[in-house]
Amino acid sequence: MRDEDFLRTKVPMTKSEVRSISLDKLQLHGKTSFLDIGSGTGSVSLQAALEFPELQVTAIEKNDDAIAIMHDNMVHFKTKNIQLLQGEAPADIPEQQYDAIFVGGSGANLTAIIDFAVAHLVDGGALVLNFILQENAYEAFEHLRSADVDELEMVETRIAKWHALGHGHFFKPQNPTLIVSAIRKVR
């Protein structure tokens, strides 16, 4: 989906190219339950819900402005398979197993969220976390090294888009994004 399709405010949004990589790593085809932690504008939840209508999406966000714009986007896209919750992660996340979990924002609860995610993923379930701060990505990667996961990896994306400037053009860069992903070990 194009970024321009979403209703926007100053609330952070996972951009199209990063969203594509993250959704690919979540391996949602044939899955039924997906959790989006720190959902922001809802771009990841919304694209997942629209591309996989059989998927039940649970999105949690603590910020009032983010809840408002995500709700507006849910109405805009007429999604019926998203449960939007306002609360703090991981304390306010429903206790159930999930096929895939995405972490777009963690506040100051990163390791607690990772522990919750690994404990609540089904065997073989995918965990994907996005970061712009290298320290947070490194903390997540190191914490996951001792977790019950396989296929742990971190990739960096650097996206720049072509823009006109006067009589010429240039590539306007977005923030580099670090994507950490892992698969819950089969017990």
N, C-alpha and C. Protein backbone atom coordinates (compact mmCIF):
# COMPACT_ATOMS: atom_id res chain seq x y z
N MET A 1 0.84 -1.18 0.00
CA MET A 1 0.00 0.00 0.00
C MET A 1 0.89 1.24 0.00
N ARG A 2 0.40 2.27 -0.64
CA ARG A 2 1.14 3.52 -0.69
C ARG A 2 0.94 4.31 0.61
N ASP A 3 1.98 4.99 1.05
CA ASP A 3 1.87 5.81 2.26
C ASP A 3 0.78 6.87 2.11
N GLU A 4 0.61 7.36 0.89
CA GLU A 4 -0.38 8.41 0.62
C GLU A 4 -1.82 7.93 0.81
N ASP A 5 -2.04 6.61 0.86
CA ASP A 5 -3.38 6.07 1.04
C ASP A 5 -3.88 6.26 2.48
N PHE A 6 -2.95 6.43 3.42
CA PHE A 6 -3.30 6.52 4.83
C PHE A 6 -3.60 7.95 5.24
N LEU A 7 -4.55 8.10 6.16
CA LEU A 7 -4.77 9.39 6.80
C LEU A 7 -3.58 9.61 7.73
N ARG A 8 -3.05 10.83 7.76
CA ARG A 8 -1.81 11.08 8.49
C ARG A 8 -1.95 12.27 9.44
N THR A 9 -1.21 12.19 10.52
CA THR A 9 -0.99 13.30 11.44
C THR A 9 0.50 13.28 11.76
N LYS A 10 0.88 13.81 12.90
CA LYS A 10 2.29 13.78 13.30
C LYS A 10 2.66 12.45 13.95
N VAL A 11 1.70 11.55 14.10
CA VAL A 11 1.97 10.22 14.69
C VAL A 11 2.88 9.44 13.74
N PRO A 12 3.93 8.80 14.27
CA PRO A 12 4.85 8.04 13.40
C PRO A 12 4.14 6.92 12.63
N MET A 13 4.66 6.65 11.43
CA MET A 13 4.09 5.61 10.59
C MET A 13 5.23 4.79 9.99
N THR A 14 5.05 3.48 9.97
CA THR A 14 5.98 2.60 9.27
C THR A 14 5.78 2.83 7.78
N LYS A 15 6.84 3.24 7.11
CA LYS A 15 6.75 3.60 5.69
C LYS A 15 6.61 2.37 4.81
N SER A 16 6.11 2.58 3.60
CA SER A 16 5.73 1.52 2.68
C SER A 16 6.79 0.44 2.48
N GLU A 17 8.00 0.84 2.16
CA GLU A 17 9.04 -0.15 1.85
C GLU A 17 9.43 -0.95 3.09
N VAL A 18 9.52 -0.28 4.24
CA VAL A 18 9.84 -0.97 5.49
C VAL A 18 8.68 -1.87 5.89
N ARG A 19 7.48 -1.38 5.68
CA ARG A 19 6.27 -2.18 5.97
C ARG A 19 6.25 -3.45 5.13
N SER A 20 6.63 -3.34 3.88
CA SER A 20 6.66 -4.51 2.99
C SER A 20 7.64 -5.57 3.49
N ILE A 21 8.82 -5.14 3.87
CA ILE A 21 9.81 -6.08 4.39
C ILE A 21 9.32 -6.71 5.68
N SER A 22 8.78 -5.87 6.57
CA SER A 22 8.31 -6.37 7.88
C SER A 22 7.17 -7.36 7.71
N LEU A 23 6.20 -7.04 6.85
CA LEU A 23 5.08 -7.95 6.62
C LEU A 23 5.55 -9.26 5.99
N ASP A 24 6.52 -9.20 5.10
CA ASP A 24 7.07 -10.42 4.52
C ASP A 24 7.70 -11.29 5.60
N LYS A 25 8.45 -10.70 6.51
CA LYS A 25 9.10 -11.46 7.58
C LYS A 25 8.10 -12.00 8.60
N LEU A 26 6.91 -11.39 8.69
CA LEU A 26 5.87 -11.88 9.61
C LEU A 26 5.20 -13.16 9.10
N GLN A 27 5.34 -13.47 7.80
CA GLN A 27 4.83 -14.71 7.23
C GLN A 27 3.35 -14.93 7.58
N LEU A 28 2.51 -13.99 7.21
CA LEU A 28 1.10 -14.00 7.62
C LEU A 28 0.19 -14.89 6.77
N HIS A 29 0.66 -15.36 5.63
CA HIS A 29 -0.20 -16.20 4.78
C HIS A 29 -0.67 -17.43 5.56
N GLY A 30 -1.98 -17.63 5.59
CA GLY A 30 -2.55 -18.79 6.27
C GLY A 30 -2.64 -18.66 7.78
N LYS A 31 -2.27 -17.51 8.32
CA LYS A 31 -2.31 -17.30 9.78
C LYS A 31 -3.67 -16.73 10.19
N THR A 32 -3.99 -16.86 11.48
CA THR A 32 -5.30 -16.37 11.95
C THR A 32 -5.22 -15.29 13.02
N SER A 33 -4.06 -15.14 13.71
CA SER A 33 -3.97 -14.15 14.78
C SER A 33 -2.66 -13.37 14.69
N PHE A 34 -2.78 -12.05 14.75
CA PHE A 34 -1.64 -11.15 14.60
C PHE A 34 -1.74 -10.04 15.63
N LEU A 35 -0.64 -9.76 16.32
CA LEU A 35 -0.58 -8.71 17.33
C LEU A 35 0.39 -7.63 16.88
N ASP A 36 -0.08 -6.38 16.91
CA ASP A 36 0.73 -5.21 16.56
C ASP A 36 0.89 -4.37 17.83
N ILE A 37 2.10 -4.30 18.35
CA ILE A 37 2.39 -3.57 19.59
C ILE A 37 2.99 -2.21 19.23
N GLY A 38 2.38 -1.15 19.74
CA GLY A 38 2.81 0.20 19.40
C GLY A 38 2.41 0.53 17.98
N SER A 39 1.12 0.43 17.70
CA SER A 39 0.62 0.45 16.32
C SER A 39 0.66 1.81 15.63
N GLY A 40 0.84 2.90 16.36
CA GLY A 40 0.94 4.21 15.72
C GLY A 40 -0.27 4.52 14.85
N THR A 41 -0.04 4.92 13.60
CA THR A 41 -1.14 5.22 12.67
C THR A 41 -1.89 3.97 12.26
N GLY A 42 -1.29 2.81 12.51
CA GLY A 42 -1.94 1.55 12.16
C GLY A 42 -1.57 1.02 10.80
N SER A 43 -0.54 1.55 10.17
CA SER A 43 -0.23 1.14 8.80
C SER A 43 0.07 -0.36 8.68
N VAL A 44 0.79 -0.93 9.65
CA VAL A 44 1.10 -2.36 9.59
C VAL A 44 -0.15 -3.18 9.83
N SER A 45 -0.91 -2.86 10.86
CA SER A 45 -2.17 -3.57 11.15
C SER A 45 -3.14 -3.48 10.00
N LEU A 46 -3.30 -2.30 9.46
CA LEU A 46 -4.27 -2.09 8.38
C LEU A 46 -3.88 -2.85 7.12
N GLN A 47 -2.61 -2.78 6.73
CA GLN A 47 -2.21 -3.51 5.53
C GLN A 47 -2.35 -5.01 5.74
N ALA A 48 -1.97 -5.50 6.92
CA ALA A 48 -2.13 -6.93 7.22
C ALA A 48 -3.60 -7.32 7.16
N ALA A 49 -4.46 -6.53 7.77
CA ALA A 49 -5.90 -6.83 7.80
C ALA A 49 -6.51 -6.82 6.41
N LEU A 50 -6.07 -5.89 5.57
CA LEU A 50 -6.62 -5.80 4.22
C LEU A 50 -6.08 -6.90 3.30
N GLU A 51 -4.81 -7.25 3.44
CA GLU A 51 -4.23 -8.28 2.59
C GLU A 51 -4.63 -9.69 3.01
N PHE A 52 -4.95 -9.85 4.31
CA PHE A 52 -5.30 -11.17 4.85
C PHE A 52 -6.62 -11.05 5.62
N PRO A 53 -7.76 -11.02 4.92
CA PRO A 53 -9.05 -10.78 5.57
C PRO A 53 -9.44 -11.84 6.59
N GLU A 54 -8.82 -13.03 6.54
CA GLU A 54 -9.12 -14.08 7.52
C GLU A 54 -8.33 -13.87 8.81
N LEU A 55 -7.42 -12.93 8.82
CA LEU A 55 -6.54 -12.66 9.95
C LEU A 55 -7.25 -11.79 10.98
N GLN A 56 -7.22 -12.21 12.25
CA GLN A 56 -7.74 -11.36 13.33
C GLN A 56 -6.56 -10.57 13.88
N VAL A 57 -6.63 -9.25 13.74
CA VAL A 57 -5.54 -8.36 14.15
C VAL A 57 -5.90 -7.71 15.48
N THR A 58 -4.97 -7.77 16.43
CA THR A 58 -5.09 -7.04 17.69
C THR A 58 -3.99 -5.99 17.68
N ALA A 59 -4.38 -4.72 17.81
CA ALA A 59 -3.42 -3.63 17.82
C ALA A 59 -3.51 -2.92 19.16
N ILE A 60 -2.36 -2.65 19.78
CA ILE A 60 -2.34 -1.94 21.04
C ILE A 60 -1.45 -0.70 20.91
N GLU A 61 -1.95 0.40 21.46
CA GLU A 61 -1.25 1.68 21.39
C GLU A 61 -1.62 2.47 22.63
N LYS A 62 -0.66 3.21 23.20
CA LYS A 62 -0.94 3.98 24.41
C LYS A 62 -1.23 5.45 24.13
N ASN A 63 -0.78 5.97 23.01
CA ASN A 63 -0.89 7.40 22.70
C ASN A 63 -2.28 7.77 22.20
N ASP A 64 -2.89 8.77 22.81
CA ASP A 64 -4.25 9.21 22.43
C ASP A 64 -4.34 9.62 20.96
N ASP A 65 -3.36 10.41 20.49
CA ASP A 65 -3.38 10.86 19.10
C ASP A 65 -3.25 9.69 18.12
N ALA A 66 -2.42 8.71 18.48
CA ALA A 66 -2.25 7.54 17.63
C ALA A 66 -3.54 6.71 17.58
N ILE A 67 -4.19 6.55 18.74
CA ILE A 67 -5.47 5.82 18.77
C ILE A 67 -6.47 6.51 17.86
N ALA A 68 -6.53 7.83 17.93
CA ALA A 68 -7.50 8.59 17.12
C ALA A 68 -7.24 8.41 15.62
N ILE A 69 -5.99 8.56 15.18
CA ILE A 69 -5.72 8.45 13.74
C ILE A 69 -5.85 7.01 13.26
N MET A 70 -5.49 6.05 14.11
CA MET A 70 -5.68 4.66 13.68
C MET A 70 -7.17 4.34 13.55
N HIS A 71 -7.96 4.82 14.50
CA HIS A 71 -9.42 4.61 14.40
C HIS A 71 -9.95 5.22 13.10
N ASP A 72 -9.51 6.45 12.80
CA ASP A 72 -9.93 7.11 11.55
C ASP A 72 -9.51 6.28 10.33
N ASN A 73 -8.30 5.71 10.37
CA ASN A 73 -7.84 4.88 9.25
C ASN A 73 -8.65 3.58 9.15
N MET A 74 -9.05 3.02 10.29
CA MET A 74 -9.88 1.81 10.26
C MET A 74 -11.23 2.11 9.59
N VAL A 75 -11.80 3.27 9.89
CA VAL A 75 -13.05 3.68 9.25
C VAL A 75 -12.81 3.94 7.76
N HIS A 76 -11.73 4.65 7.47
CA HIS A 76 -11.37 5.00 6.08
C HIS A 76 -11.25 3.74 5.21
N PHE A 77 -10.61 2.70 5.73
CA PHE A 77 -10.39 1.47 4.97
C PHE A 77 -11.48 0.42 5.20
N LYS A 78 -12.45 0.74 6.07
CA LYS A 78 -13.57 -0.16 6.35
C LYS A 78 -13.12 -1.54 6.83
N THR A 79 -12.12 -1.56 7.72
CA THR A 79 -11.63 -2.83 8.24
C THR A 79 -12.54 -3.34 9.34
N LYS A 80 -12.79 -4.63 9.33
CA LYS A 80 -13.65 -5.27 10.32
C LYS A 80 -12.89 -6.27 11.18
N ASN A 81 -11.65 -6.56 10.82
CA ASN A 81 -10.90 -7.62 11.51
C ASN A 81 -9.76 -7.08 12.38
N ILE A 82 -9.93 -5.85 12.89
CA ILE A 82 -8.94 -5.27 13.80
C ILE A 82 -9.60 -4.92 15.11
N GLN A 83 -8.99 -5.38 16.20
CA GLN A 83 -9.39 -4.98 17.54
C GLN A 83 -8.34 -3.97 18.01
N LEU A 84 -8.73 -2.71 18.17
CA LEU A 84 -7.83 -1.65 18.59
C LEU A 84 -7.98 -1.42 20.09
N LEU A 85 -6.87 -1.56 20.81
CA LEU A 85 -6.88 -1.40 22.26
C LEU A 85 -5.98 -0.24 22.66
N GLN A 86 -6.44 0.56 23.60
CA GLN A 86 -5.58 1.59 24.16
C GLN A 86 -5.05 1.07 25.48
N GLY A 87 -3.72 1.05 25.61
CA GLY A 87 -3.13 0.56 26.84
C GLY A 87 -1.63 0.47 26.74
N GLU A 88 -1.06 -0.02 27.80
CA GLU A 88 0.39 -0.16 27.95
C GLU A 88 0.78 -1.60 27.65
N ALA A 89 1.83 -1.75 26.85
CA ALA A 89 2.34 -3.09 26.57
C ALA A 89 3.48 -3.39 27.53
N PRO A 90 3.58 -4.62 28.00
CA PRO A 90 2.73 -5.77 27.70
C PRO A 90 1.54 -5.94 28.64
N ALA A 91 1.41 -5.11 29.67
CA ALA A 91 0.40 -5.32 30.72
C ALA A 91 -1.03 -5.42 30.19
N ASP A 92 -1.37 -4.63 29.18
CA ASP A 92 -2.76 -4.57 28.72
C ASP A 92 -3.04 -5.40 27.47
N ILE A 93 -2.10 -6.25 27.08
CA ILE A 93 -2.30 -7.10 25.91
C ILE A 93 -3.09 -8.34 26.31
N PRO A 94 -4.10 -8.72 25.53
CA PRO A 94 -4.87 -9.93 25.85
C PRO A 94 -3.97 -11.17 25.93
N GLU A 95 -4.24 -11.98 26.95
CA GLU A 95 -3.49 -13.22 27.18
C GLU A 95 -4.01 -14.30 26.23
N GLN A 96 -3.30 -14.48 25.14
CA GLN A 96 -3.62 -15.53 24.17
C GLN A 96 -2.38 -15.82 23.36
N GLN A 97 -2.43 -16.82 22.53
CA GLN A 97 -1.32 -17.14 21.64
C GLN A 97 -1.56 -16.42 20.31
N TYR A 98 -0.47 -15.99 19.69
CA TYR A 98 -0.52 -15.26 18.42
C TYR A 98 0.36 -15.98 17.40
N ASP A 99 -0.07 -15.96 16.13
CA ASP A 99 0.73 -16.54 15.05
C ASP A 99 1.91 -15.66 14.68
N ALA A 100 1.75 -14.35 14.85
CA ALA A 100 2.80 -13.40 14.51
C ALA A 100 2.64 -12.15 15.37
N ILE A 101 3.77 -11.53 15.70
CA ILE A 101 3.77 -10.31 16.52
C ILE A 101 4.73 -9.31 15.90
N PHE A 102 4.24 -8.07 15.77
CA PHE A 102 5.05 -6.97 15.27
C PHE A 102 5.18 -5.94 16.39
N VAL A 103 6.39 -5.43 16.58
CA VAL A 103 6.62 -4.38 17.56
C VAL A 103 7.12 -3.15 16.81
N GLY A 104 6.26 -2.13 16.76
CA GLY A 104 6.62 -0.88 16.11
C GLY A 104 7.03 0.18 17.10
N GLY A 105 6.63 0.00 18.35
CA GLY A 105 6.98 0.93 19.42
C GLY A 105 6.94 0.20 20.74
N SER A 106 7.89 0.51 21.61
CA SER A 106 7.97 -0.23 22.87
C SER A 106 8.05 0.65 24.10
N GLY A 107 8.12 1.97 23.93
CA GLY A 107 8.27 2.82 25.09
C GLY A 107 9.52 2.41 25.86
N ALA A 108 9.41 2.30 27.14
CA ALA A 108 10.56 1.90 27.96
C ALA A 108 10.46 0.43 28.37
N ASN A 109 9.60 -0.33 27.71
CA ASN A 109 9.31 -1.71 28.12
C ASN A 109 9.86 -2.76 27.15
N LEU A 110 10.95 -2.47 26.48
CA LEU A 110 11.40 -3.33 25.39
C LEU A 110 11.62 -4.79 25.80
N THR A 111 12.40 -5.04 26.83
CA THR A 111 12.67 -6.44 27.18
C THR A 111 11.42 -7.15 27.69
N ALA A 112 10.57 -6.44 28.43
CA ALA A 112 9.31 -7.05 28.90
C ALA A 112 8.41 -7.39 27.72
N ILE A 113 8.38 -6.52 26.72
CA ILE A 113 7.57 -6.79 25.53
C ILE A 113 8.13 -7.98 24.76
N ILE A 114 9.44 -8.07 24.63
CA ILE A 114 10.05 -9.21 23.95
C ILE A 114 9.73 -10.50 24.69
N ASP A 115 9.87 -10.49 26.01
CA ASP A 115 9.57 -11.70 26.79
C ASP A 115 8.11 -12.10 26.62
N PHE A 116 7.19 -11.12 26.66
CA PHE A 116 5.77 -11.40 26.44
C PHE A 116 5.57 -12.00 25.04
N ALA A 117 6.19 -11.37 24.04
CA ALA A 117 6.00 -11.82 22.66
C ALA A 117 6.46 -13.27 22.48
N VAL A 118 7.64 -13.59 22.95
CA VAL A 118 8.16 -14.94 22.78
C VAL A 118 7.27 -15.95 23.51
N ALA A 119 6.80 -15.59 24.70
CA ALA A 119 5.94 -16.49 25.48
C ALA A 119 4.56 -16.67 24.86
N HIS A 120 4.11 -15.71 24.07
CA HIS A 120 2.76 -15.75 23.51
C HIS A 120 2.72 -16.04 22.02
N LEU A 121 3.87 -16.38 21.44
CA LEU A 121 3.89 -16.81 20.04
C LEU A 121 3.66 -18.31 19.97
N VAL A 122 2.90 -18.73 18.97
CA VAL A 122 2.77 -20.17 18.71
C VAL A 122 4.12 -20.69 18.25
N ASP A 123 4.31 -21.99 18.34
CA ASP A 123 5.53 -22.59 17.80
C ASP A 123 5.65 -22.24 16.32
N GLY A 124 6.80 -21.76 15.92
CA GLY A 124 7.00 -21.37 14.53
C GLY A 124 6.48 -19.99 14.19
N GLY A 125 5.92 -19.28 15.18
CA GLY A 125 5.40 -17.94 14.95
C GLY A 125 6.50 -16.92 14.76
N ALA A 126 6.22 -15.87 14.00
CA ALA A 126 7.22 -14.87 13.67
C ALA A 126 7.10 -13.63 14.56
N LEU A 127 8.26 -13.11 14.94
CA LEU A 127 8.37 -11.87 15.70
C LEU A 127 9.21 -10.91 14.87
N VAL A 128 8.69 -9.69 14.66
CA VAL A 128 9.41 -8.66 13.91
C VAL A 128 9.34 -7.36 14.70
N LEU A 129 10.49 -6.72 14.85
CA LEU A 129 10.59 -5.45 15.58
C LEU A 129 11.27 -4.43 14.68
N ASN A 130 10.77 -3.20 14.67
CA ASN A 130 11.37 -2.12 13.89
C ASN A 130 11.94 -1.06 14.82
N PHE A 131 13.11 -0.54 14.45
CA PHE A 131 13.78 0.48 15.26
C PHE A 131 14.43 1.53 14.37
N ILE A 132 14.49 2.76 14.86
CA ILE A 132 15.33 3.76 14.22
C ILE A 132 16.56 4.04 15.09
N LEU A 133 16.50 3.70 16.38
CA LEU A 133 17.65 3.89 17.26
C LEU A 133 18.47 2.60 17.32
N GLN A 134 19.75 2.70 17.01
CA GLN A 134 20.62 1.54 16.98
C GLN A 134 20.73 0.87 18.35
N GLU A 135 20.76 1.67 19.41
CA GLU A 135 20.88 1.10 20.75
C GLU A 135 19.69 0.20 21.09
N ASN A 136 18.50 0.62 20.72
CA ASN A 136 17.31 -0.21 20.98
C ASN A 136 17.32 -1.49 20.15
N ALA A 137 17.73 -1.38 18.90
CA ALA A 137 17.82 -2.58 18.05
C ALA A 137 18.85 -3.56 18.62
N TYR A 138 19.98 -3.05 19.06
CA TYR A 138 21.02 -3.91 19.63
C TYR A 138 20.52 -4.56 20.91
N GLU A 139 19.83 -3.78 21.76
CA GLU A 139 19.28 -4.34 23.00
C GLU A 139 18.30 -5.48 22.69
N ALA A 140 17.44 -5.27 21.71
CA ALA A 140 16.47 -6.30 21.33
C ALA A 140 17.19 -7.54 20.79
N PHE A 141 18.16 -7.34 19.91
CA PHE A 141 18.89 -8.45 19.32
C PHE A 141 19.61 -9.26 20.39
N GLU A 142 20.29 -8.58 21.29
CA GLU A 142 21.02 -9.27 22.35
C GLU A 142 20.07 -10.01 23.28
N HIS A 143 18.94 -9.41 23.60
CA HIS A 143 17.96 -10.07 24.47
C HIS A 143 17.40 -11.32 23.79
N LEU A 144 17.14 -11.22 22.50
CA LEU A 144 16.59 -12.36 21.76
C LEU A 144 17.60 -13.49 21.58
N ARG A 145 18.88 -13.18 21.67
CA ARG A 145 19.91 -14.23 21.53
C ARG A 145 19.76 -15.31 22.60
N SER A 146 19.23 -14.93 23.76
CA SER A 146 19.05 -15.91 24.83
C SER A 146 17.60 -16.38 24.95
N ALA A 147 16.77 -15.98 24.00
CA ALA A 147 15.35 -16.36 24.02
C ALA A 147 15.15 -17.66 23.24
N ASP A 148 13.95 -18.19 23.32
CA ASP A 148 13.59 -19.46 22.70
C ASP A 148 13.20 -19.24 21.22
N VAL A 149 14.17 -18.71 20.42
CA VAL A 149 13.89 -18.39 19.02
C VAL A 149 14.98 -18.94 18.12
N ASP A 150 14.62 -19.08 16.85
CA ASP A 150 15.54 -19.44 15.78
C ASP A 150 15.51 -18.33 14.74
N GLU A 151 16.41 -18.45 13.77
CA GLU A 151 16.44 -17.55 12.61
C GLU A 151 16.50 -16.08 13.01
N LEU A 152 17.22 -15.77 14.08
CA LEU A 152 17.37 -14.39 14.54
C LEU A 152 18.25 -13.63 13.55
N GLU A 153 17.74 -12.49 13.10
CA GLU A 153 18.52 -11.66 12.20
C GLU A 153 18.17 -10.19 12.37
N MET A 154 19.09 -9.34 11.93
CA MET A 154 18.84 -7.90 11.91
C MET A 154 19.29 -7.38 10.56
N VAL A 155 18.43 -6.60 9.93
CA VAL A 155 18.77 -5.96 8.66
C VAL A 155 18.52 -4.46 8.80
N GLU A 156 19.27 -3.71 8.02
CA GLU A 156 19.06 -2.26 8.00
C GLU A 156 18.54 -1.87 6.63
N THR A 157 17.52 -1.03 6.62
CA THR A 157 17.00 -0.50 5.36
C THR A 157 17.32 0.98 5.30
N ARG A 158 17.68 1.42 4.13
CA ARG A 158 17.91 2.84 3.87
C ARG A 158 17.14 3.17 2.60
N ILE A 159 16.06 3.88 2.78
CA ILE A 159 15.17 4.21 1.66
C ILE A 159 15.31 5.69 1.35
N ALA A 160 15.42 6.00 0.08
CA ALA A 160 15.42 7.39 -0.38
C ALA A 160 14.51 7.46 -1.60
N LYS A 161 13.71 8.51 -1.65
CA LYS A 161 12.76 8.65 -2.77
C LYS A 161 13.15 9.84 -3.65
N TRP A 162 12.94 9.66 -4.93
CA TRP A 162 13.24 10.64 -5.97
C TRP A 162 12.33 11.85 -5.83
N HIS A 163 12.91 13.04 -5.76
CA HIS A 163 12.14 14.28 -5.63
C HIS A 163 12.68 15.33 -6.59
N ALA A 164 11.77 16.16 -7.09
CA ALA A 164 12.17 17.28 -7.94
C ALA A 164 12.64 18.44 -7.07
N LEU A 165 13.66 19.14 -7.55
CA LEU A 165 14.16 20.33 -6.88
C LEU A 165 14.61 21.30 -7.98
N GLY A 166 13.84 22.34 -8.15
CA GLY A 166 14.15 23.29 -9.23
C GLY A 166 14.11 22.58 -10.56
N HIS A 167 15.24 22.66 -11.30
CA HIS A 167 15.32 22.00 -12.61
C HIS A 167 15.90 20.60 -12.53
N GLY A 168 16.22 20.16 -11.31
CA GLY A 168 16.84 18.85 -11.15
C GLY A 168 16.06 17.95 -10.20
N HIS A 169 16.72 16.89 -9.79
CA HIS A 169 16.13 15.90 -8.90
C HIS A 169 17.16 15.44 -7.89
N PHE A 170 16.68 14.92 -6.77
CA PHE A 170 17.56 14.34 -5.76
C PHE A 170 16.81 13.24 -5.03
N PHE A 171 17.56 12.39 -4.33
CA PHE A 171 16.95 11.36 -3.51
C PHE A 171 16.84 11.89 -2.09
N LYS A 172 15.60 12.02 -1.60
CA LYS A 172 15.35 12.49 -0.24
C LYS A 172 15.31 11.27 0.68
N PRO A 173 16.26 11.16 1.62
CA PRO A 173 16.31 9.96 2.46
C PRO A 173 15.28 9.96 3.58
N GLN A 174 14.80 8.75 3.90
CA GLN A 174 14.01 8.53 5.11
C GLN A 174 14.98 8.09 6.19
N ASN A 175 14.52 8.06 7.44
CA ASN A 175 15.36 7.52 8.51
C ASN A 175 15.71 6.08 8.19
N PRO A 176 16.98 5.69 8.38
CA PRO A 176 17.29 4.25 8.27
C PRO A 176 16.49 3.49 9.33
N THR A 177 16.04 2.30 8.98
CA THR A 177 15.26 1.47 9.90
C THR A 177 15.96 0.14 10.07
N LEU A 178 16.08 -0.28 11.32
CA LEU A 178 16.64 -1.59 11.64
C LEU A 178 15.48 -2.54 11.90
N ILE A 179 15.49 -3.68 11.23
CA ILE A 179 14.43 -4.67 11.37
C ILE A 179 15.03 -5.92 12.00
N VAL A 180 14.55 -6.25 13.19
CA VAL A 180 14.98 -7.46 13.89
C VAL A 180 13.87 -8.48 13.74
N SER A 181 14.22 -9.70 13.37
CA SER A 181 13.20 -10.74 13.21
C SER A 181 13.69 -12.06 13.77
N ALA A 182 12.73 -12.88 14.18
CA ALA A 182 13.03 -14.20 14.73
C ALA A 182 11.79 -15.08 14.61
N ILE A 183 12.00 -16.37 14.72
CA ILE A 183 10.92 -17.36 14.69
C ILE A 183 10.92 -18.12 16.00
N ARG A 184 9.76 -18.26 16.62
CA ARG A 184 9.63 -19.00 17.88
C ARG A 184 9.98 -20.46 17.64
N LYS A 185 10.89 -20.99 18.47
CA LYS A 185 11.29 -22.39 18.32
C LYS A 185 10.10 -23.31 18.48
N VAL A 186 10.13 -24.40 17.75
CA VAL A 186 9.10 -25.43 17.90
C VAL A 186 9.47 -26.25 19.13
N ARG A 187 8.54 -26.31 20.07
CA ARG A 187 8.81 -27.03 21.33
C ARG A 187 8.51 -28.50 21.20
